[in-house]
Amino acid sequence: SATKHAASMRLYYREVLRNDLKWFRFAPINFLRSAANYCR
């Protein structure tokens, strides 16, 4: 399902990185995964 919906998931992870980084100190690994998935 991930590759099938790549366009939508890219937009989602872009919004996470644009708007949610104030929470980085609480969940750094989550944000690293989000960055990797945005790239992917």
PDB file of all heavy atoms in Angstrom:
ATOM      1  N   SER A   1       0.817  -1.206   0.000  1.00  0.00           N
ATOM      2  CA  SER A   1       0.000   0.000   0.000  1.00  0.00           C
ATOM      3  C   SER A   1       0.853   1.260   0.000  1.00  0.00           C
ATOM      4  O   SER A   1       0.415   2.308  -0.476  1.00  0.00           O
ATOM      5  CB  SER A   1      -0.928   0.005   1.216  1.00  0.00           C
ATOM      6  OG  SER A   1      -0.185   0.005   2.421  1.00  0.00           O
ATOM      7  N   ALA A   2       2.081   1.169   0.523  1.00  0.00           N
ATOM      8  CA  ALA A   2       2.926   2.357   0.600  1.00  0.00           C
ATOM      9  C   ALA A   2       3.256   2.903  -0.785  1.00  0.00           C
ATOM     10  O   ALA A   2       3.046   4.076  -1.080  1.00  0.00           O
ATOM     11  CB  ALA A   2       4.208   2.029   1.370  1.00  0.00           C
ATOM     12  N   THR A   3       3.781   2.066  -1.666  1.00  0.00           N
ATOM     13  CA  THR A   3       4.150   2.536  -2.996  1.00  0.00           C
ATOM     14  C   THR A   3       2.918   2.905  -3.810  1.00  0.00           C
ATOM     15  O   THR A   3       2.959   3.820  -4.639  1.00  0.00           O
ATOM     16  CB  THR A   3       4.971   1.475  -3.739  1.00  0.00           C
ATOM     17  OG1 THR A   3       4.262   0.223  -3.708  1.00  0.00           O
ATOM     18  CG2 THR A   3       6.324   1.277  -3.078  1.00  0.00           C
ATOM     19  N   LYS A   4       1.834   2.207  -3.602  1.00  0.00           N
ATOM     20  CA  LYS A   4       0.600   2.506  -4.329  1.00  0.00           C
ATOM     21  C   LYS A   4       0.123   3.918  -4.042  1.00  0.00           C
ATOM     22  O   LYS A   4      -0.447   4.591  -4.913  1.00  0.00           O
ATOM     23  CB  LYS A   4      -0.481   1.496  -3.933  1.00  0.00           C
ATOM     24  CG  LYS A   4      -1.813   1.684  -4.645  1.00  0.00           C
ATOM     25  CD  LYS A   4      -2.806   0.635  -4.190  1.00  0.00           C
ATOM     26  CE  LYS A   4      -4.170   0.824  -4.861  1.00  0.00           C
ATOM     27  NZ  LYS A   4      -5.150  -0.175  -4.376  1.00  0.00           N
ATOM     28  N   HIS A   5       0.364   4.398  -2.828  1.00  0.00           N
ATOM     29  CA  HIS A   5      -0.106   5.713  -2.414  1.00  0.00           C
ATOM     30  C   HIS A   5       1.062   6.675  -2.178  1.00  0.00           C
ATOM     31  O   HIS A   5       0.988   7.556  -1.327  1.00  0.00           O
ATOM     32  CB  HIS A   5      -0.945   5.590  -1.154  1.00  0.00           C
ATOM     33  CG  HIS A   5      -2.101   4.647  -1.290  1.00  0.00           C
ATOM     34  ND1 HIS A   5      -3.047   4.767  -2.287  1.00  0.00           N
ATOM     35  CD2 HIS A   5      -2.468   3.559  -0.563  1.00  0.00           C
ATOM     36  CE1 HIS A   5      -3.944   3.812  -2.168  1.00  0.00           C
ATOM     37  NE2 HIS A   5      -3.614   3.064  -1.135  1.00  0.00           N
ATOM     38  N   ALA A   6       2.114   6.539  -2.960  1.00  0.00           N
ATOM     39  CA  ALA A   6       3.330   7.326  -2.745  1.00  0.00           C
ATOM     40  C   ALA A   6       3.073   8.826  -2.827  1.00  0.00           C
ATOM     41  O   ALA A   6       3.613   9.609  -2.039  1.00  0.00           O
ATOM     42  CB  ALA A   6       4.407   6.913  -3.749  1.00  0.00           C
ATOM     43  N   ALA A   7       2.257   9.267  -3.788  1.00  0.00           N
ATOM     44  CA  ALA A   7       2.026  10.704  -3.966  1.00  0.00           C
ATOM     45  C   ALA A   7       1.387  11.313  -2.720  1.00  0.00           C
ATOM     46  O   ALA A   7       1.805  12.381  -2.239  1.00  0.00           O
ATOM     47  CB  ALA A   7       1.143  10.940  -5.188  1.00  0.00           C
ATOM     48  N   SER A   8       0.383  10.633  -2.177  1.00  0.00           N
ATOM     49  CA  SER A   8      -0.279  11.132  -0.989  1.00  0.00           C
ATOM     50  C   SER A   8       0.641  11.105   0.228  1.00  0.00           C
ATOM     51  O   SER A   8       0.686  12.055   1.016  1.00  0.00           O
ATOM     52  CB  SER A   8      -1.529  10.291  -0.705  1.00  0.00           C
ATOM     53  OG  SER A   8      -2.091  10.627   0.551  1.00  0.00           O
ATOM     54  N   MET A   9       1.393  10.014   0.385  1.00  0.00           N
ATOM     55  CA  MET A   9       2.267   9.892   1.544  1.00  0.00           C
ATOM     56  C   MET A   9       3.392  10.919   1.509  1.00  0.00           C
ATOM     57  O   MET A   9       3.821  11.431   2.545  1.00  0.00           O
ATOM     58  CB  MET A   9       2.829   8.473   1.628  1.00  0.00           C
ATOM     59  CG  MET A   9       1.770   7.390   1.798  1.00  0.00           C
ATOM     60  SD  MET A   9       0.605   7.715   3.156  1.00  0.00           S
ATOM     61  CE  MET A   9       1.690   7.655   4.584  1.00  0.00           C
ATOM     62  N   ARG A  10       3.880  11.245   0.316  1.00  0.00           N
ATOM     63  CA  ARG A  10       4.906  12.288   0.204  1.00  0.00           C
ATOM     64  C   ARG A  10       4.373  13.618   0.729  1.00  0.00           C
ATOM     65  O   ARG A  10       5.044  14.319   1.494  1.00  0.00           O
ATOM     66  CB  ARG A  10       5.353  12.435  -1.243  1.00  0.00           C
ATOM     67  CG  ARG A  10       6.460  13.467  -1.440  1.00  0.00           C
ATOM     68  CD  ARG A  10       6.725  13.721  -2.907  1.00  0.00           C
ATOM     69  NE  ARG A  10       5.690  14.566  -3.490  1.00  0.00           N
ATOM     70  CZ  ARG A  10       5.701  15.898  -3.443  1.00  0.00           C
ATOM     71  NH1 ARG A  10       6.681  16.531  -2.817  1.00  0.00           N
ATOM     72  NH2 ARG A  10       4.739  16.602  -3.994  1.00  0.00           N
ATOM     73  N   LEU A  11       3.165  13.980   0.334  1.00  0.00           N
ATOM     74  CA  LEU A  11       2.569  15.231   0.796  1.00  0.00           C
ATOM     75  C   LEU A  11       2.367  15.231   2.301  1.00  0.00           C
ATOM     76  O   LEU A  11       2.593  16.240   2.983  1.00  0.00           O
ATOM     77  CB  LEU A  11       1.233  15.462   0.090  1.00  0.00           C
ATOM     78  CG  LEU A  11       1.314  15.712  -1.421  1.00  0.00           C
ATOM     79  CD1 LEU A  11      -0.091  15.797  -2.010  1.00  0.00           C
ATOM     80  CD2 LEU A  11       2.105  16.978  -1.726  1.00  0.00           C
ATOM     81  N   TYR A  12       1.955  14.072   2.828  1.00  0.00           N
ATOM     82  CA  TYR A  12       1.739  13.976   4.270  1.00  0.00           C
ATOM     83  C   TYR A  12       3.040  14.213   5.040  1.00  0.00           C
ATOM     84  O   TYR A  12       3.095  15.027   5.969  1.00  0.00           O
ATOM     85  CB  TYR A  12       1.152  12.609   4.618  1.00  0.00           C
ATOM     86  CG  TYR A  12       1.201  12.296   6.098  1.00  0.00           C
ATOM     87  CD1 TYR A  12       0.409  12.992   6.995  1.00  0.00           C
ATOM     88  CD2 TYR A  12       2.063  11.326   6.596  1.00  0.00           C
ATOM     89  CE1 TYR A  12       0.456  12.733   8.356  1.00  0.00           C
ATOM     90  CE2 TYR A  12       2.117  11.048   7.951  1.00  0.00           C
ATOM     91  CZ  TYR A  12       1.314  11.745   8.824  1.00  0.00           C
ATOM     92  OH  TYR A  12       1.370  11.495  10.170  1.00  0.00           O
ATOM     93  N   TYR A  13       4.109  13.507   4.658  1.00  0.00           N
ATOM     94  CA  TYR A  13       5.369  13.654   5.389  1.00  0.00           C
ATOM     95  C   TYR A  13       5.982  15.032   5.185  1.00  0.00           C
ATOM     96  O   TYR A  13       6.670  15.559   6.077  1.00  0.00           O
ATOM     97  CB  TYR A  13       6.349  12.544   4.995  1.00  0.00           C
ATOM     98  CG  TYR A  13       5.976  11.210   5.594  1.00  0.00           C
ATOM     99  CD1 TYR A  13       5.558  10.153   4.798  1.00  0.00           C
ATOM    100  CD2 TYR A  13       6.014  11.019   6.969  1.00  0.00           C
ATOM    101  CE1 TYR A  13       5.199   8.936   5.356  1.00  0.00           C
ATOM    102  CE2 TYR A  13       5.656   9.806   7.541  1.00  0.00           C
ATOM    103  CZ  TYR A  13       5.251   8.769   6.730  1.00  0.00           C
ATOM    104  OH  TYR A  13       4.893   7.564   7.294  1.00  0.00           O
ATOM    105  N   ARG A  14       5.732  15.655   4.048  1.00  0.00           N
ATOM    106  CA  ARG A  14       6.192  17.027   3.848  1.00  0.00           C
ATOM    107  C   ARG A  14       5.533  17.959   4.860  1.00  0.00           C
ATOM    108  O   ARG A  14       6.189  18.822   5.451  1.00  0.00           O
ATOM    109  CB  ARG A  14       5.874  17.489   2.426  1.00  0.00           C
ATOM    110  CG  ARG A  14       6.437  18.881   2.100  1.00  0.00           C
ATOM    111  CD  ARG A  14       5.999  19.343   0.732  1.00  0.00           C
ATOM    112  NE  ARG A  14       4.569  19.650   0.713  1.00  0.00           N
ATOM    113  CZ  ARG A  14       3.914  20.059  -0.362  1.00  0.00           C
ATOM    114  NH1 ARG A  14       4.555  20.175  -1.523  1.00  0.00           N
ATOM    115  NH2 ARG A  14       2.629  20.334  -0.310  1.00  0.00           N
ATOM    116  N   GLU A  15       4.222  17.778   5.091  1.00  0.00           N
ATOM    117  CA  GLU A  15       3.521  18.617   6.056  1.00  0.00           C
ATOM    118  C   GLU A  15       4.002  18.370   7.479  1.00  0.00           C
ATOM    119  O   GLU A  15       4.074  19.297   8.286  1.00  0.00           O
ATOM    120  CB  GLU A  15       2.012  18.393   5.946  1.00  0.00           C
ATOM    121  CG  GLU A  15       1.420  18.882   4.637  1.00  0.00           C
ATOM    122  CD  GLU A  15       1.797  20.310   4.337  1.00  0.00           C
ATOM    123  OE1 GLU A  15       1.470  21.196   5.156  1.00  0.00           O
ATOM    124  OE2 GLU A  15       2.428  20.564   3.287  1.00  0.00           O
ATOM    125  N   VAL A  16       4.328  17.114   7.803  1.00  0.00           N
ATOM    126  CA  VAL A  16       4.886  16.813   9.122  1.00  0.00           C
ATOM    127  C   VAL A  16       6.176  17.596   9.336  1.00  0.00           C
ATOM    128  O   VAL A  16       6.378  18.235  10.378  1.00  0.00           O
ATOM    129  CB  VAL A  16       5.145  15.297   9.266  1.00  0.00           C
ATOM    130  CG1 VAL A  16       5.970  15.006  10.525  1.00  0.00           C
ATOM    131  CG2 VAL A  16       3.828  14.536   9.325  1.00  0.00           C
ATOM    132  N   LEU A  17       7.064  17.574   8.353  1.00  0.00           N
ATOM    133  CA  LEU A  17       8.350  18.253   8.486  1.00  0.00           C
ATOM    134  C   LEU A  17       8.199  19.770   8.476  1.00  0.00           C
ATOM    135  O   LEU A  17       8.957  20.484   9.141  1.00  0.00           O
ATOM    136  CB  LEU A  17       9.287  17.808   7.365  1.00  0.00           C
ATOM    137  CG  LEU A  17       9.673  16.323   7.371  1.00  0.00           C
ATOM    138  CD1 LEU A  17      10.500  15.978   6.150  1.00  0.00           C
ATOM    139  CD2 LEU A  17      10.421  15.945   8.649  1.00  0.00           C
ATOM    140  N   ARG A  18       7.236  20.258   7.749  1.00  0.00           N
ATOM    141  CA  ARG A  18       7.023  21.706   7.694  1.00  0.00           C
ATOM    142  C   ARG A  18       6.425  22.270   8.977  1.00  0.00           C
ATOM    143  O   ARG A  18       6.764  23.389   9.391  1.00  0.00           O
ATOM    144  CB  ARG A  18       6.079  22.050   6.540  1.00  0.00           C
ATOM    145  CG  ARG A  18       6.704  22.075   5.161  1.00  0.00           C
ATOM    146  CD  ARG A  18       5.621  22.398   4.139  1.00  0.00           C
ATOM    147  NE  ARG A  18       6.148  22.717   2.830  1.00  0.00           N
ATOM    148  CZ  ARG A  18       5.397  23.064   1.796  1.00  0.00           C
ATOM    149  NH1 ARG A  18       4.081  23.115   1.934  1.00  0.00           N
ATOM    150  NH2 ARG A  18       5.943  23.354   0.630  1.00  0.00           N
ATOM    151  N   ASN A  19       5.545  21.507   9.623  1.00  0.00           N
ATOM    152  CA  ASN A  19       4.714  22.090  10.679  1.00  0.00           C
ATOM    153  C   ASN A  19       4.894  21.513  12.072  1.00  0.00           C
ATOM    154  O   ASN A  19       4.439  22.132  13.037  1.00  0.00           O
ATOM    155  CB  ASN A  19       3.233  21.940  10.286  1.00  0.00           C
ATOM    156  CG  ASN A  19       2.897  22.697   9.020  1.00  0.00           C
ATOM    157  OD1 ASN A  19       3.085  23.901   8.945  1.00  0.00           O
ATOM    158  ND2 ASN A  19       2.412  21.985   8.014  1.00  0.00           N
ATOM    159  N   ASP A  20       5.507  20.346  12.208  1.00  0.00           N
ATOM    160  CA  ASP A  20       5.486  19.663  13.509  1.00  0.00           C
ATOM    161  C   ASP A  20       6.833  19.596  14.219  1.00  0.00           C
ATOM    162  O   ASP A  20       6.934  18.965  15.275  1.00  0.00           O
ATOM    163  CB  ASP A  20       4.961  18.224  13.332  1.00  0.00           C
ATOM    164  CG  ASP A  20       3.503  18.189  12.920  1.00  0.00           C
ATOM    165  OD1 ASP A  20       2.847  19.239  12.986  1.00  0.00           O
ATOM    166  OD2 ASP A  20       3.028  17.112  12.512  1.00  0.00           O
ATOM    167  N   LEU A  21       7.852  20.232  13.684  1.00  0.00           N
ATOM    168  CA  LEU A  21       9.189  20.054  14.255  1.00  0.00           C
ATOM    169  C   LEU A  21       9.336  20.628  15.661  1.00  0.00           C
ATOM    170  O   LEU A  21      10.312  20.323  16.347  1.00  0.00           O
ATOM    171  CB  LEU A  21      10.251  20.652  13.336  1.00  0.00           C
ATOM    172  CG  LEU A  21      10.578  19.818  12.097  1.00  0.00           C
ATOM    173  CD1 LEU A  21      11.639  20.506  11.245  1.00  0.00           C
ATOM    174  CD2 LEU A  21      11.034  18.416  12.471  1.00  0.00           C
ATOM    175  N   LYS A  22       8.375  21.409  16.122  1.00  0.00           N
ATOM    176  CA  LYS A  22       8.432  21.886  17.512  1.00  0.00           C
ATOM    177  C   LYS A  22       8.344  20.735  18.498  1.00  0.00           C
ATOM    178  O   LYS A  22       8.689  20.887  19.675  1.00  0.00           O
ATOM    179  CB  LYS A  22       7.323  22.898  17.772  1.00  0.00           C
ATOM    180  CG  LYS A  22       5.925  22.325  17.716  1.00  0.00           C
ATOM    181  CD  LYS A  22       4.876  23.389  17.995  1.00  0.00           C
ATOM    182  CE  LYS A  22       3.469  22.809  17.953  1.00  0.00           C
ATOM    183  NZ  LYS A  22       2.433  23.847  18.230  1.00  0.00           N
ATOM    184  N   TRP A  23       7.868  19.572  18.015  1.00  0.00           N
ATOM    185  CA  TRP A  23       7.761  18.390  18.865  1.00  0.00           C
ATOM    186  C   TRP A  23       8.986  17.481  18.750  1.00  0.00           C
ATOM    187  O   TRP A  23       9.005  16.405  19.340  1.00  0.00           O
ATOM    188  CB  TRP A  23       6.508  17.586  18.499  1.00  0.00           C
ATOM    189  CG  TRP A  23       5.244  18.348  18.678  1.00  0.00           C
ATOM    190  CD1 TRP A  23       4.501  18.969  17.708  1.00  0.00           C
ATOM    191  CD2 TRP A  23       4.561  18.597  19.902  1.00  0.00           C
ATOM    192  NE1 TRP A  23       3.406  19.581  18.249  1.00  0.00           N
ATOM    193  CE2 TRP A  23       3.411  19.365  19.597  1.00  0.00           C
ATOM    194  CE3 TRP A  23       4.795  18.235  21.228  1.00  0.00           C
ATOM    195  CZ2 TRP A  23       2.513  19.780  20.575  1.00  0.00           C
ATOM    196  CZ3 TRP A  23       3.894  18.637  22.196  1.00  0.00           C
ATOM    197  CH2 TRP A  23       2.772  19.406  21.865  1.00  0.00           C
ATOM    198  N   PHE A  24      10.010  17.915  18.047  1.00  0.00           N
ATOM    199  CA  PHE A  24      11.164  17.051  17.747  1.00  0.00           C
ATOM    200  C   PHE A  24      11.804  16.482  19.019  1.00  0.00           C
ATOM    201  O   PHE A  24      12.169  15.305  19.064  1.00  0.00           O
ATOM    202  CB  PHE A  24      12.209  17.827  16.939  1.00  0.00           C
ATOM    203  CG  PHE A  24      13.437  17.032  16.616  1.00  0.00           C
ATOM    204  CD1 PHE A  24      13.462  16.181  15.519  1.00  0.00           C
ATOM    205  CD2 PHE A  24      14.580  17.119  17.407  1.00  0.00           C
ATOM    206  CE1 PHE A  24      14.599  15.436  15.212  1.00  0.00           C
ATOM    207  CE2 PHE A  24      15.713  16.379  17.114  1.00  0.00           C
ATOM    208  CZ  PHE A  24      15.725  15.532  16.011  1.00  0.00           C
ATOM    209  N   ARG A  25      11.923  17.296  20.054  1.00  0.00           N
ATOM    210  CA  ARG A  25      12.621  16.836  21.264  1.00  0.00           C
ATOM    211  C   ARG A  25      11.885  15.692  21.956  1.00  0.00           C
ATOM    212  O   ARG A  25      12.494  14.938  22.709  1.00  0.00           O
ATOM    213  CB  ARG A  25      12.825  17.990  22.242  1.00  0.00           C
ATOM    214  CG  ARG A  25      11.544  18.572  22.806  1.00  0.00           C
ATOM    215  CD  ARG A  25      11.839  19.869  23.559  1.00  0.00           C
ATOM    216  NE  ARG A  25      10.649  20.504  24.079  1.00  0.00           N
ATOM    217  CZ  ARG A  25      10.208  20.367  25.327  1.00  0.00           C
ATOM    218  NH1 ARG A  25      10.852  19.577  26.181  1.00  0.00           N
ATOM    219  NH2 ARG A  25       9.120  21.001  25.729  1.00  0.00           N
ATOM    220  N   PHE A  26      10.593  15.557  21.701  1.00  0.00           N
ATOM    221  CA  PHE A  26       9.830  14.480  22.320  1.00  0.00           C
ATOM    222  C   PHE A  26       9.940  13.160  21.540  1.00  0.00           C
ATOM    223  O   PHE A  26       9.776  12.091  22.123  1.00  0.00           O
ATOM    224  CB  PHE A  26       8.350  14.859  22.431  1.00  0.00           C
ATOM    225  CG  PHE A  26       8.080  15.982  23.375  1.00  0.00           C
ATOM    226  CD1 PHE A  26       7.834  17.262  22.896  1.00  0.00           C
ATOM    227  CD2 PHE A  26       8.074  15.774  24.750  1.00  0.00           C
ATOM    228  CE1 PHE A  26       7.582  18.309  23.764  1.00  0.00           C
ATOM    229  CE2 PHE A  26       7.827  16.805  25.623  1.00  0.00           C
ATOM    230  CZ  PHE A  26       7.578  18.083  25.131  1.00  0.00           C
ATOM    231  N   ALA A  27      10.184  13.251  20.240  1.00  0.00           N
ATOM    232  CA  ALA A  27      10.173  12.044  19.408  1.00  0.00           C
ATOM    233  C   ALA A  27      11.137  12.176  18.231  1.00  0.00           C
ATOM    234  O   ALA A  27      10.721  12.164  17.067  1.00  0.00           O
ATOM    235  CB  ALA A  27       8.761  11.764  18.916  1.00  0.00           C
ATOM    236  N   PRO A  28      12.437  12.309  18.488  1.00  0.00           N
ATOM    237  CA  PRO A  28      13.387  12.528  17.388  1.00  0.00           C
ATOM    238  C   PRO A  28      13.406  11.397  16.375  1.00  0.00           C
ATOM    239  O   PRO A  28      13.551  11.643  15.166  1.00  0.00           O
ATOM    240  CB  PRO A  28      14.736  12.674  18.104  1.00  0.00           C
ATOM    241  CG  PRO A  28      14.533  12.058  19.461  1.00  0.00           C
ATOM    242  CD  PRO A  28      13.111  12.294  19.804  1.00  0.00           C
ATOM    243  N   ILE A  29      13.258  10.153  16.822  1.00  0.00           N
ATOM    244  CA  ILE A  29      13.294   9.018  15.896  1.00  0.00           C
ATOM    245  C   ILE A  29      12.094   9.079  14.945  1.00  0.00           C
ATOM    246  O   ILE A  29      12.217   8.790  13.750  1.00  0.00           O
ATOM    247  CB  ILE A  29      13.312   7.684  16.668  1.00  0.00           C
ATOM    248  CG1 ILE A  29      14.556   7.616  17.565  1.00  0.00           C
ATOM    249  CG2 ILE A  29      13.302   6.510  15.689  1.00  0.00           C
ATOM    250  CD1 ILE A  29      15.862   7.752  16.828  1.00  0.00           C
ATOM    251  N   ASN A  30      10.938   9.451  15.467  1.00  0.00           N
ATOM    252  CA  ASN A  30       9.748   9.583  14.615  1.00  0.00           C
ATOM    253  C   ASN A  30       9.988  10.576  13.485  1.00  0.00           C
ATOM    254  O   ASN A  30       9.592  10.348  12.330  1.00  0.00           O
ATOM    255  CB  ASN A  30       8.543  10.046  15.439  1.00  0.00           C
ATOM    256  CG  ASN A  30       8.007   8.966  16.353  1.00  0.00           C
ATOM    257  OD1 ASN A  30       8.752   8.407  17.140  1.00  0.00           O
ATOM    258  ND2 ASN A  30       6.724   8.687  16.266  1.00  0.00           N
ATOM    259  N   PHE A  31      10.643  11.678  13.806  1.00  0.00           N
ATOM    260  CA  PHE A  31      10.870  12.702  12.787  1.00  0.00           C
ATOM    261  C   PHE A  31      11.945  12.275  11.792  1.00  0.00           C
ATOM    262  O   PHE A  31      11.868  12.620  10.606  1.00  0.00           O
ATOM    263  CB  PHE A  31      11.212  14.032  13.443  1.00  0.00           C
ATOM    264  CG  PHE A  31      10.003  14.727  13.999  1.00  0.00           C
ATOM    265  CD1 PHE A  31       9.720  14.687  15.347  1.00  0.00           C
ATOM    266  CD2 PHE A  31       9.123  15.392  13.162  1.00  0.00           C
ATOM    267  CE1 PHE A  31       8.601  15.308  15.861  1.00  0.00           C
ATOM    268  CE2 PHE A  31       7.993  16.023  13.652  1.00  0.00           C
ATOM    269  CZ  PHE A  31       7.726  15.980  15.010  1.00  0.00           C
ATOM    270  N   LEU A  32      12.932  11.532  12.253  1.00  0.00           N
ATOM    271  CA  LEU A  32      13.911  10.990  11.315  1.00  0.00           C
ATOM    272  C   LEU A  32      13.244  10.029  10.336  1.00  0.00           C
ATOM    273  O   LEU A  32      13.546  10.033   9.136  1.00  0.00           O
ATOM    274  CB  LEU A  32      15.038  10.292  12.084  1.00  0.00           C
ATOM    275  CG  LEU A  32      16.070  11.214  12.725  1.00  0.00           C
ATOM    276  CD1 LEU A  32      16.948  10.437  13.707  1.00  0.00           C
ATOM    277  CD2 LEU A  32      16.935  11.868  11.639  1.00  0.00           C
ATOM    278  N   ARG A  33      12.313   9.218  10.840  1.00  0.00           N
ATOM    279  CA  ARG A  33      11.564   8.327   9.956  1.00  0.00           C
ATOM    280  C   ARG A  33      10.714   9.127   8.972  1.00  0.00           C
ATOM    281  O   ARG A  33      10.597   8.769   7.791  1.00  0.00           O
ATOM    282  CB  ARG A  33      10.672   7.402  10.780  1.00  0.00           C
ATOM    283  CG  ARG A  33      11.428   6.327  11.553  1.00  0.00           C
ATOM    284  CD  ARG A  33      10.462   5.448  12.318  1.00  0.00           C
ATOM    285  NE  ARG A  33      11.149   4.455  13.127  1.00  0.00           N
ATOM    286  CZ  ARG A  33      10.810   4.110  14.353  1.00  0.00           C
ATOM    287  NH1 ARG A  33       9.759   4.699  14.928  1.00  0.00           N
ATOM    288  NH2 ARG A  33      11.469   3.197  15.024  1.00  0.00           N
ATOM    289  N   SER A  34      10.104  10.189   9.468  1.00  0.00           N
ATOM    290  CA  SER A  34       9.295  11.017   8.584  1.00  0.00           C
ATOM    291  C   SER A  34      10.148  11.629   7.479  1.00  0.00           C
ATOM    292  O   SER A  34       9.724  11.688   6.315  1.00  0.00           O
ATOM    293  CB  SER A  34       8.606  12.126   9.390  1.00  0.00           C
ATOM    294  OG  SER A  34       7.654  11.584  10.282  1.00  0.00           O
ATOM    295  N   ALA A  35      11.332  12.092   7.829  1.00  0.00           N
ATOM    296  CA  ALA A  35      12.239  12.668   6.828  1.00  0.00           C
ATOM    297  C   ALA A  35      12.665  11.617   5.803  1.00  0.00           C
ATOM    298  O   ALA A  35      12.709  11.882   4.595  1.00  0.00           O
ATOM    299  CB  ALA A  35      13.460  13.267   7.514  1.00  0.00           C
ATOM    300  N   ALA A  36      12.969  10.407   6.281  1.00  0.00           N
ATOM    301  CA  ALA A  36      13.356   9.325   5.371  1.00  0.00           C
ATOM    302  C   ALA A  36      12.196   8.965   4.444  1.00  0.00           C
ATOM    303  O   ALA A  36      12.389   8.732   3.240  1.00  0.00           O
ATOM    304  CB  ALA A  36      13.807   8.108   6.169  1.00  0.00           C
ATOM    305  N   ASN A  37      10.988   8.938   4.979  1.00  0.00           N
ATOM    306  CA  ASN A  37       9.830   8.595   4.155  1.00  0.00           C
ATOM    307  C   ASN A  37       9.482   9.703   3.161  1.00  0.00           C
ATOM    308  O   ASN A  37       9.032   9.427   2.045  1.00  0.00           O
ATOM    309  CB  ASN A  37       8.626   8.277   5.037  1.00  0.00           C
ATOM    310  CG  ASN A  37       8.649   6.846   5.540  1.00  0.00           C
ATOM    311  OD1 ASN A  37       8.923   5.923   4.782  1.00  0.00           O
ATOM    312  ND2 ASN A  37       8.368   6.659   6.820  1.00  0.00           N
ATOM    313  N   TYR A  38       9.682  10.960   3.557  1.00  0.00           N
ATOM    314  CA  TYR A  38       9.487  12.055   2.606  1.00  0.00           C
ATOM    315  C   TYR A  38      10.416  11.886   1.411  1.00  0.00           C
ATOM    316  O   TYR A  38      10.010  12.027   0.253  1.00  0.00           O
ATOM    317  CB  TYR A  38       9.728  13.392   3.299  1.00  0.00           C
ATOM    318  CG  TYR A  38       9.807  14.547   2.331  1.00  0.00           C
ATOM    319  CD1 TYR A  38       8.666  15.007   1.681  1.00  0.00           C
ATOM    320  CD2 TYR A  38      11.032  15.165   2.059  1.00  0.00           C
ATOM    321  CE1 TYR A  38       8.740  16.064   0.783  1.00  0.00           C
ATOM    322  CE2 TYR A  38      11.111  16.216   1.165  1.00  0.00           C
ATOM    323  CZ  TYR A  38       9.964  16.664   0.529  1.00  0.00           C
ATOM    324  OH  TYR A  38      10.045  17.705  -0.371  1.00  0.00           O
ATOM    325  N   CYS A  39      11.672  11.575   1.703  1.00  0.00           N
ATOM    326  CA  CYS A  39      12.653  11.322   0.642  1.00  0.00           C
ATOM    327  C   CYS A  39      12.247  10.105  -0.184  1.00  0.00           C
ATOM    328  O   CYS A  39      12.237  10.145  -1.427  1.00  0.00           O
ATOM    329  CB  CYS A  39      14.021  11.121   1.269  1.00  0.00           C
ATOM    330  SG  CYS A  39      15.304  10.577   0.129  1.00  0.00           S
ATOM    331  N   ARG A  40      11.914   9.033   0.468  1.00  0.00           N
ATOM    332  CA  ARG A  40      11.530   7.778  -0.198  1.00  0.00           C
ATOM    333  C   ARG A  40      10.389   7.978  -1.182  1.00  0.00           C
ATOM    334  O   ARG A  40      10.491   7.622  -2.361  1.00  0.00           O
ATOM    335  CB  ARG A  40      11.124   6.770   0.874  1.00  0.00           C
ATOM    336  CG  ARG A  40      10.387   5.546   0.377  1.00  0.00           C
ATOM    337  CD  ARG A  40       9.697   4.844   1.529  1.00  0.00           C
ATOM    338  NE  ARG A  40       9.091   3.586   1.151  1.00  0.00           N
ATOM    339  CZ  ARG A  40       8.440   2.801   2.001  1.00  0.00           C
ATOM    340  NH1 ARG A  40       8.328   3.155   3.273  1.00  0.00           N
ATOM    341  NH2 ARG A  40       7.907   1.666   1.590  1.00  0.00           N
TER     342      ARG A  40
END
